[in-house]
């Protein structure tokens, strides 16, 4: 029982000390995680409460909810970083802390009745086939059928599609070698998600990452924050299913077969380059994903010299040889630019205009929490902030 007069800081310190003792954690690891011995001493002695950044990092390290460390009633956020170790926890904790703010804005604006329209998926059932490739492929086929997207039809605006399902997507700079992060939150039995995509990745990589994260949502992999890293060769079933789903949702086998049959006899390097680049640009996938799809779908195609040459050539050269260089320049035009979630932006602005949320909520969505920058953006857009 909490003693009379015991502060939040003291209760946190007791919980923190218990976690350290139970896990037999070397203090040097915690100094590395928090950044300095002074910060560790402050928290261990109860001199202050942890920041949201620190609570997120410590929650991931000890596998407890950040809200438990902050001694507050709040949603449960999964904190076991799939693919993350000590260094990995530290480098993404700031991004995850930002995602928790976006989840809070999403929850608050929905509670006020300003949720953007959603394509409900209550009856959608992902495949539970044991074979990961089959599970991903069947789930992709089911989702295309559910959304009435023909197997030969490209998925155009994937971001808008994911957001229409109720999942905000933000493009922002993420730590090096991190493609994307998806963060789940459970509140009163309802699981919400926010997806962060690395805006510095190329266009095709971004689309594959987003489709990959969508698989985690559909498969209800909600016990953990999912960190999609470029440097990890993860062989866990959920990751393999997500990769299979992304490949098949963006570029179904039927589409590959159709494109190959229409291309005629593909015997030379130029013909192979045209086939590969046309699939890339039409379906919004990378050269590697395209080559993999051809290898898996077209029997014997890997035996050709042209296939091997296309795999080794620079993408820019393939685009030039096939006459698609200008199209390639156009699709890469926005690479490196951060974009807030359109869905959350609309919900936050509608709620703010109605006087239901503070400017801080808008700033969390638009300007990474910078209220002055958010105010400037709104004024530039013609908002009357005195009366808003």
Protein backbone atom coordinates (compact mmCIF):
# COMPACT_ATOMS: atom_id res chain seq x y z
CA UNK A 1 0.00 0.00 0.00
CA UNK A 2 1.23 3.49 -0.84
CA UNK A 3 2.25 5.43 2.26
CA UNK A 4 0.58 8.77 2.96
CA UNK A 5 2.64 11.53 1.42
CA UNK A 6 4.59 9.19 -0.89
CA UNK A 7 5.25 11.04 -4.14
CA UNK A 8 5.05 9.84 -7.72
CA UNK A 9 8.82 10.19 -7.91
CA UNK A 10 9.29 7.92 -4.91
CA UNK A 11 6.91 5.32 -6.26
CA UNK A 12 8.72 5.38 -9.59
CA UNK A 13 12.10 4.99 -7.88
CA UNK A 14 10.86 1.94 -5.96
CA UNK A 15 9.50 0.35 -9.12
CA UNK A 16 12.68 1.17 -11.04
CA UNK A 17 14.90 -0.29 -8.33
CA UNK A 18 12.80 -3.45 -8.27
CA UNK A 19 13.11 -3.86 -12.04
CA UNK A 20 16.88 -3.42 -11.86
CA UNK A 21 17.19 -5.98 -9.06
CA UNK A 22 14.84 -8.51 -10.66
CA UNK A 23 16.60 -8.35 -14.04
CA UNK A 24 20.05 -8.15 -12.42
CA UNK A 25 20.81 -5.33 -14.81
CA UNK A 26 24.37 -3.93 -14.87
CA UNK A 27 24.18 -0.23 -14.13
CA UNK A 28 26.59 0.45 -17.01
CA UNK A 29 23.89 -0.70 -19.44
CA UNK A 30 21.39 1.74 -17.98
CA UNK A 31 23.92 4.58 -18.14
CA UNK A 32 24.38 3.79 -21.84
CA UNK A 33 20.63 3.67 -22.38
CA UNK A 34 19.82 6.92 -20.54
CA UNK A 35 22.86 8.86 -21.70
CA UNK A 36 24.60 9.72 -18.42
CA UNK A 37 25.21 8.51 -14.87
CA UNK A 38 23.61 11.70 -13.57
CA UNK A 39 20.33 10.84 -15.30
CA UNK A 40 20.43 7.32 -13.88
CA UNK A 41 21.13 8.63 -10.37
CA UNK A 42 18.21 11.08 -10.61
CA UNK A 43 15.80 8.29 -11.51
CA UNK A 44 17.09 5.70 -9.06
CA UNK A 45 16.90 8.14 -6.15
CA UNK A 46 13.51 9.54 -7.11
CA UNK A 47 14.78 13.07 -7.70
CA UNK A 48 12.52 13.33 -10.74
CA UNK A 49 10.14 11.41 -12.97
CA UNK A 50 11.43 10.04 -16.28
CA UNK A 51 10.73 11.94 -19.45
CA UNK A 52 8.50 10.33 -22.08
CA UNK A 53 11.68 9.52 -24.03
CA UNK A 54 13.24 7.83 -20.98
CA UNK A 55 10.03 6.00 -20.06
CA UNK A 56 9.76 4.66 -23.62
CA UNK A 57 13.39 3.48 -23.64
CA UNK A 58 13.18 1.92 -20.16
CA UNK A 59 9.82 0.35 -20.96
CA UNK A 60 11.31 -1.32 -24.02
CA UNK A 61 14.38 -2.43 -22.08
CA UNK A 62 12.46 -3.98 -19.17
CA UNK A 63 9.44 -5.01 -21.32
CA UNK A 64 6.86 -3.10 -19.30
CA UNK A 65 4.38 -0.43 -20.41
CA UNK A 66 5.75 3.14 -20.24
CA UNK A 67 2.51 4.13 -18.47
CA UNK A 68 3.42 1.78 -15.61
CA UNK A 69 6.72 3.61 -15.16
CA UNK A 70 5.00 6.99 -15.31
CA UNK A 71 2.50 5.87 -12.65
CA UNK A 72 -0.42 7.04 -14.74
CA UNK A 73 -3.56 5.53 -16.25
CA UNK A 74 -2.99 5.51 -19.96
CA UNK A 75 -3.34 3.20 -22.93
CA UNK A 76 -1.22 0.07 -23.08
CA UNK A 77 1.51 0.41 -25.70
CA UNK A 78 3.46 -2.66 -26.75
CA UNK A 79 7.11 -2.17 -25.87
CA UNK A 80 9.00 -5.30 -26.85
CA UNK A 81 11.01 -4.11 -29.83
CA UNK A 82 11.06 -6.89 -32.39
CA UNK A 83 14.55 -6.79 -33.94
CA UNK A 84 15.81 -4.39 -31.25
CA UNK A 85 18.61 -4.74 -28.72
CA UNK A 86 20.09 -2.16 -26.36
CA UNK A 87 21.42 0.10 -29.12
CA UNK A 88 18.27 -0.40 -31.16
CA UNK A 89 16.00 0.62 -28.29
CA UNK A 90 17.86 3.87 -27.82
CA UNK A 91 17.93 4.93 -31.44
CA UNK A 92 14.19 4.56 -32.02
CA UNK A 93 12.77 5.58 -28.65
CA UNK A 94 12.35 9.21 -29.74
CA UNK A 95 10.33 8.14 -32.79
CA UNK A 96 8.22 5.79 -30.68
CA UNK A 97 7.58 8.55 -28.15
CA UNK A 98 6.37 10.73 -31.04
CA UNK A 99 4.10 7.91 -32.23
CA UNK A 100 2.49 7.69 -28.79
CA UNK A 101 1.60 11.40 -29.07
CA UNK A 102 0.00 10.77 -32.46
CA UNK A 103 -1.97 7.88 -30.98
CA UNK A 104 -3.20 10.19 -28.22
CA UNK A 105 -4.36 12.79 -30.77
CA UNK A 106 -6.08 10.08 -32.79
CA UNK A 107 -7.88 8.75 -29.71
CA UNK A 108 -8.89 12.20 -28.45
CA UNK A 109 -10.23 13.45 -31.79
CA UNK A 110 -12.15 10.21 -32.36
CA UNK A 111 -13.69 10.53 -28.91
CA UNK A 112 -14.90 14.01 -29.88
CA UNK A 113 -16.58 12.61 -32.98
CA UNK A 114 -14.10 13.91 -35.54
CA UNK A 115 -12.89 10.59 -36.93
CA UNK A 116 -12.29 10.58 -40.67
CA UNK A 117 -14.29 7.97 -42.64
CA UNK A 118 -13.05 4.40 -42.28
CA UNK A 119 -13.35 1.33 -44.50
CA UNK A 120 -14.18 -1.19 -41.76
CA UNK A 121 -12.41 -4.55 -41.68
CA UNK A 122 -14.32 -6.31 -38.87
CA UNK A 123 -15.03 -9.40 -40.96
CA UNK A 124 -11.65 -9.55 -42.69
CA UNK A 125 -9.74 -12.66 -41.67
CA UNK A 126 -6.03 -12.96 -42.51
CA UNK A 127 -4.74 -16.36 -43.51
CA UNK A 128 -3.41 -18.46 -40.65
CA UNK A 129 -1.66 -20.97 -42.92
CA UNK A 130 1.44 -22.30 -41.23
CA UNK A 131 3.64 -21.79 -44.29
CA UNK A 132 4.67 -18.14 -44.08
CA UNK A 133 4.74 -17.62 -47.85
CA UNK A 134 1.26 -19.06 -48.25
CA UNK A 135 -0.06 -17.04 -45.30
CA UNK A 136 1.24 -13.79 -46.76
CA UNK A 137 0.06 -14.58 -50.28
CA UNK A 138 -3.44 -15.62 -49.22
CA UNK A 139 -3.86 -12.62 -46.94
CA UNK A 140 -2.81 -10.31 -49.78
CA UNK A 141 -5.28 -11.96 -52.16
CA UNK A 142 -8.08 -11.73 -49.60
CA UNK A 143 -7.45 -8.04 -48.95
CA UNK A 144 -7.43 -7.24 -52.67
CA UNK A 145 -10.73 -9.08 -53.03
CA UNK A 146 -12.16 -7.37 -49.93
CA UNK A 147 -11.22 -3.94 -51.30
CA UNK A 148 -12.35 -4.89 -54.83
CA UNK A 149 -8.87 -4.47 -56.35
CA UNK A 150 -8.35 -6.76 -59.34
CA UNK A 151 -5.17 -8.86 -59.33
CA UNK A 152 -3.94 -7.07 -62.46
CA UNK A 153 -4.66 -3.61 -61.02
CA UNK A 154 -1.86 -1.64 -59.34
CA UNK A 155 -2.39 -0.34 -55.80
CA UNK A 156 -2.17 3.39 -56.51
CA UNK A 157 -2.00 5.58 -53.41
CA UNK A 158 -1.03 3.02 -50.77
CA UNK A 159 -0.78 5.66 -48.04
CA UNK A 160 -4.34 6.82 -48.64
CA UNK A 161 -5.51 3.20 -48.68
CA UNK A 162 -3.90 2.39 -45.31
CA UNK A 163 -5.24 5.62 -43.80
CA UNK A 164 -8.72 4.83 -45.14
CA UNK A 165 -8.61 1.66 -43.04
CA UNK A 166 -8.16 3.85 -39.97
CA UNK A 167 -4.38 3.73 -39.53
CA UNK A 168 -2.51 7.08 -39.63
CA UNK A 169 0.74 7.08 -41.63
CA UNK A 170 3.46 9.68 -41.19
CA UNK A 171 6.62 10.08 -43.27
CA UNK A 172 9.52 11.36 -41.19
CA UNK A 173 13.28 10.99 -40.89
CA UNK A 174 14.05 7.85 -38.89
CA UNK A 175 17.38 6.60 -37.56
CA UNK A 176 19.80 5.19 -40.09
CA UNK A 177 18.87 1.72 -41.37
CA UNK A 178 15.32 1.89 -39.95
CA UNK A 179 12.75 1.64 -42.74
CA UNK A 180 9.58 1.90 -40.67
CA UNK A 181 8.00 1.58 -37.24
CA UNK A 182 4.45 0.54 -36.39
CA UNK A 183 3.16 1.22 -32.89
CA UNK A 184 -0.01 -0.34 -31.45
CA UNK A 185 -2.08 1.01 -28.56
CA UNK A 186 -4.85 -0.78 -26.72
CA UNK A 187 -7.50 1.41 -25.11
CA UNK A 188 -10.65 -0.14 -23.63
CA UNK A 189 -10.17 -3.26 -25.73
CA UNK A 190 -9.74 -1.37 -29.02
CA UNK A 191 -6.36 -1.57 -30.74
CA UNK A 192 -5.20 1.44 -32.74
CA UNK A 193 -2.02 1.77 -34.78
CA UNK A 194 0.25 4.52 -36.06
CA UNK A 195 2.81 3.80 -38.78
CA UNK A 196 5.99 5.82 -39.29
CA UNK A 197 7.83 5.47 -42.62
CA UNK A 198 11.36 6.71 -43.26
CA UNK A 199 10.95 9.64 -45.64
CA UNK A 200 14.59 9.32 -46.73
CA UNK A 201 14.07 5.88 -48.25
CA UNK A 202 13.33 5.62 -51.94
CA UNK A 203 9.75 5.51 -53.21
CA UNK A 204 9.61 1.76 -53.81
CA UNK A 205 11.19 0.95 -50.45
CA UNK A 206 8.63 3.16 -48.71
CA UNK A 207 5.73 1.36 -50.38
CA UNK A 208 7.11 -2.07 -49.54
CA UNK A 209 7.69 -1.02 -45.92
CA UNK A 210 4.16 0.34 -45.61
CA UNK A 211 2.67 -2.85 -47.05
CA UNK A 212 4.89 -4.84 -44.68
CA UNK A 213 3.61 -2.85 -41.68
CA UNK A 214 0.02 -3.30 -42.88
CA UNK A 215 0.55 -7.05 -42.65
CA UNK A 216 1.49 -6.72 -38.98
CA UNK A 217 -1.75 -4.81 -38.41
CA UNK A 218 -3.89 -7.32 -40.30
CA UNK A 219 -2.23 -10.26 -38.55
CA UNK A 220 -2.86 -8.50 -35.24
CA UNK A 221 0.79 -8.60 -34.21
CA UNK A 222 -0.16 -6.04 -31.59
CA UNK A 223 1.88 -7.28 -28.66
CA UNK A 224 4.99 -5.49 -29.84
CA UNK A 225 6.21 -2.34 -31.46
CA UNK A 226 7.52 -3.47 -34.84
CA UNK A 227 10.79 -1.98 -36.06
CA UNK A 228 11.62 -2.74 -39.68
CA UNK A 229 15.41 -2.56 -39.96
CA UNK A 230 17.58 -2.73 -43.05
CA UNK A 231 20.44 -4.40 -41.19
CA UNK A 232 18.54 -7.34 -39.68
CA UNK A 233 17.98 -10.66 -41.38
CA UNK A 234 15.08 -11.66 -39.17
CA UNK A 235 13.68 -15.13 -39.75
CA UNK A 236 10.70 -14.93 -37.43
CA UNK A 237 7.43 -16.07 -38.88
CA UNK A 238 5.64 -12.71 -38.52
CA UNK A 239 8.40 -10.95 -40.47
CA UNK A 240 8.41 -13.54 -43.24
CA UNK A 241 4.62 -13.38 -43.52
CA UNK A 242 4.81 -9.57 -43.73
CA UNK A 243 7.40 -9.72 -46.52
CA UNK A 244 5.33 -12.28 -48.45
CA UNK A 245 2.20 -10.15 -47.99
CA UNK A 246 3.93 -6.97 -49.19
CA UNK A 247 5.29 -8.64 -52.34
CA UNK A 248 1.98 -10.24 -53.26
CA UNK A 249 -0.27 -7.31 -52.34
CA UNK A 250 1.76 -4.85 -54.41
CA UNK A 251 2.71 -7.24 -57.24
CA UNK A 252 0.47 -10.33 -57.49
CA UNK A 253 1.66 -13.40 -59.36
CA UNK A 254 -1.11 -12.92 -61.95
CA UNK A 255 0.22 -9.46 -62.78
CA UNK A 256 3.74 -10.81 -63.30
CA UNK A 257 2.48 -13.57 -65.58
CA UNK A 258 0.36 -11.11 -67.58
CA UNK A 259 3.25 -8.69 -68.07
CA UNK A 260 5.62 -11.47 -69.09
CA UNK A 261 3.17 -12.96 -71.59
CA UNK A 262 2.57 -9.55 -73.19
CA UNK A 263 6.30 -8.83 -73.50
CA UNK A 264 6.79 -11.65 -75.96
CA UNK A 265 10.05 -13.54 -76.06
CA UNK A 266 12.40 -11.89 -73.57
CA UNK A 267 15.83 -12.84 -74.84
CA UNK A 268 17.98 -9.69 -74.71
CA UNK A 269 19.08 -7.27 -72.03
CA UNK A 270 16.98 -4.39 -73.41
CA UNK A 271 13.80 -6.50 -73.43
CA UNK A 272 14.45 -7.71 -69.90
CA UNK A 273 15.16 -4.14 -68.75
CA UNK A 274 11.86 -3.00 -70.25
CA UNK A 275 9.95 -5.81 -68.52
CA UNK A 276 11.57 -5.16 -65.15
CA UNK A 277 11.23 -1.38 -65.21
CA UNK A 278 7.65 -1.51 -66.47
CA UNK A 279 6.68 -3.75 -63.55
CA UNK A 280 8.56 -1.48 -61.14
CA UNK A 281 6.85 1.70 -62.30
CA UNK A 282 3.39 0.23 -62.82
CA UNK A 283 3.15 -1.56 -59.49
CA UNK A 284 5.42 0.63 -57.38
CA UNK A 285 7.97 -1.96 -56.30
CA UNK A 286 11.74 -2.07 -56.15
CA UNK A 287 14.02 -3.74 -58.68
CA UNK A 288 14.89 -6.45 -56.11
CA UNK A 289 11.23 -7.19 -55.37
CA UNK A 290 10.49 -7.33 -59.10
CA UNK A 291 13.36 -9.72 -59.81
CA UNK A 292 12.26 -11.92 -56.92
CA UNK A 293 8.68 -11.99 -58.23
CA UNK A 294 9.87 -12.93 -61.72
CA UNK A 295 12.09 -15.64 -60.29
CA UNK A 296 9.23 -17.12 -58.25
CA UNK A 297 6.65 -16.87 -61.05
CA UNK A 298 8.32 -17.45 -64.41
CA UNK A 299 9.94 -20.85 -64.70
CA UNK A 300 13.49 -20.84 -66.00
CA UNK A 301 13.83 -17.05 -66.25
CA UNK A 302 16.87 -17.00 -63.97
CA UNK A 303 18.79 -19.07 -66.51
CA UNK A 304 19.06 -16.17 -68.93
CA UNK A 305 22.08 -13.90 -69.08
CA UNK A 306 19.75 -10.92 -69.47
CA UNK A 307 18.15 -11.66 -66.09
CA UNK A 308 21.52 -11.75 -64.35
CA UNK A 309 22.61 -8.52 -66.05
CA UNK A 310 19.41 -6.74 -64.95
CA UNK A 311 19.99 -7.85 -61.38
CA UNK A 312 23.49 -6.36 -61.39
CA UNK A 313 22.87 -3.16 -63.37
CA UNK A 314 22.17 0.20 -61.77
CA UNK A 315 18.46 1.01 -61.63
CA UNK A 316 19.07 4.38 -63.30
CA UNK A 317 20.75 2.58 -66.22
CA UNK A 318 17.82 0.16 -66.55
CA UNK A 319 15.41 3.09 -66.65
CA UNK A 320 17.48 4.86 -69.32
CA UNK A 321 17.87 1.78 -71.51
CA UNK A 322 14.13 1.07 -71.36
CA UNK A 323 13.16 4.70 -72.03
CA UNK A 324 11.65 5.11 -68.56
CA UNK A 325 14.22 7.52 -67.14
CA UNK A 326 11.86 10.53 -67.07
CA UNK A 327 9.15 8.52 -65.32
CA UNK A 328 11.72 7.40 -62.77
CA UNK A 329 12.74 10.99 -62.04
CA UNK A 330 9.10 11.96 -61.49
CA UNK A 331 8.30 9.17 -59.00
CA UNK A 332 11.42 10.04 -56.98
CA UNK A 333 10.58 13.75 -56.82
CA UNK A 334 9.30 13.74 -53.23
CA UNK A 335 11.99 11.47 -51.81
CA UNK A 336 13.39 12.86 -48.56
CA UNK A 337 10.38 15.07 -47.79
CA UNK A 338 8.55 14.52 -44.49
CA UNK A 339 4.75 14.45 -44.58
CA UNK A 340 2.29 14.37 -41.67
CA UNK A 341 -0.66 12.02 -41.70
CA UNK A 342 -3.49 13.49 -43.81
CA UNK A 343 -5.97 11.58 -41.70
CA UNK A 344 -4.70 12.90 -38.37
CA UNK A 345 -4.21 16.39 -39.78
CA UNK A 346 -7.87 16.61 -40.73
CA UNK A 347 -9.06 15.16 -37.42
CA UNK A 348 -6.85 17.51 -35.40
CA UNK A 349 -7.83 20.62 -37.38
CA UNK A 350 -11.55 19.83 -37.21
CA UNK A 351 -11.34 19.29 -33.46
CA UNK A 352 -9.23 22.41 -32.97
CA UNK A 353 -11.66 24.53 -35.01
CA UNK A 354 -14.45 23.29 -32.76
CA UNK A 355 -12.48 24.29 -29.67
CA UNK A 356 -12.19 20.68 -28.49
CA UNK A 357 -8.41 20.23 -28.52
CA UNK A 358 -5.54 22.63 -27.81
CA UNK A 359 -3.00 23.92 -30.31
CA UNK A 360 -0.55 21.40 -28.85
CA UNK A 361 -2.51 18.54 -30.43
CA UNK A 362 -2.26 20.18 -33.85
CA UNK A 363 1.45 20.80 -33.29
CA UNK A 364 2.07 17.14 -32.42
CA UNK A 365 0.63 16.17 -35.80
CA UNK A 366 1.95 18.95 -38.05
CA UNK A 367 5.22 20.23 -36.58
CA UNK A 368 6.62 17.57 -34.27
CA UNK A 369 5.25 19.39 -31.20
CA UNK A 370 6.48 22.89 -32.10
CA UNK A 371 3.46 25.08 -31.24
CA UNK A 372 5.00 28.26 -32.67
CA UNK A 373 5.61 26.58 -36.02
CA UNK A 374 2.07 25.14 -35.99
CA UNK A 375 0.62 28.57 -35.25
CA UNK A 376 2.60 30.06 -38.12
CA UNK A 377 1.36 27.36 -40.51
CA UNK A 378 -2.24 27.95 -39.50
CA UNK A 379 -1.97 31.72 -39.88
CA UNK A 380 -0.40 31.26 -43.33
CA UNK A 381 -3.37 29.06 -44.25
CA UNK A 382 -5.78 31.83 -43.26
CA UNK A 383 -6.79 30.66 -39.79
CA UNK A 384 -8.06 33.25 -37.32
CA UNK A 385 -6.42 31.84 -34.19
CA UNK A 386 -8.11 34.32 -31.89
CA UNK A 387 -11.55 33.00 -32.71
CA UNK A 388 -10.55 29.38 -33.55
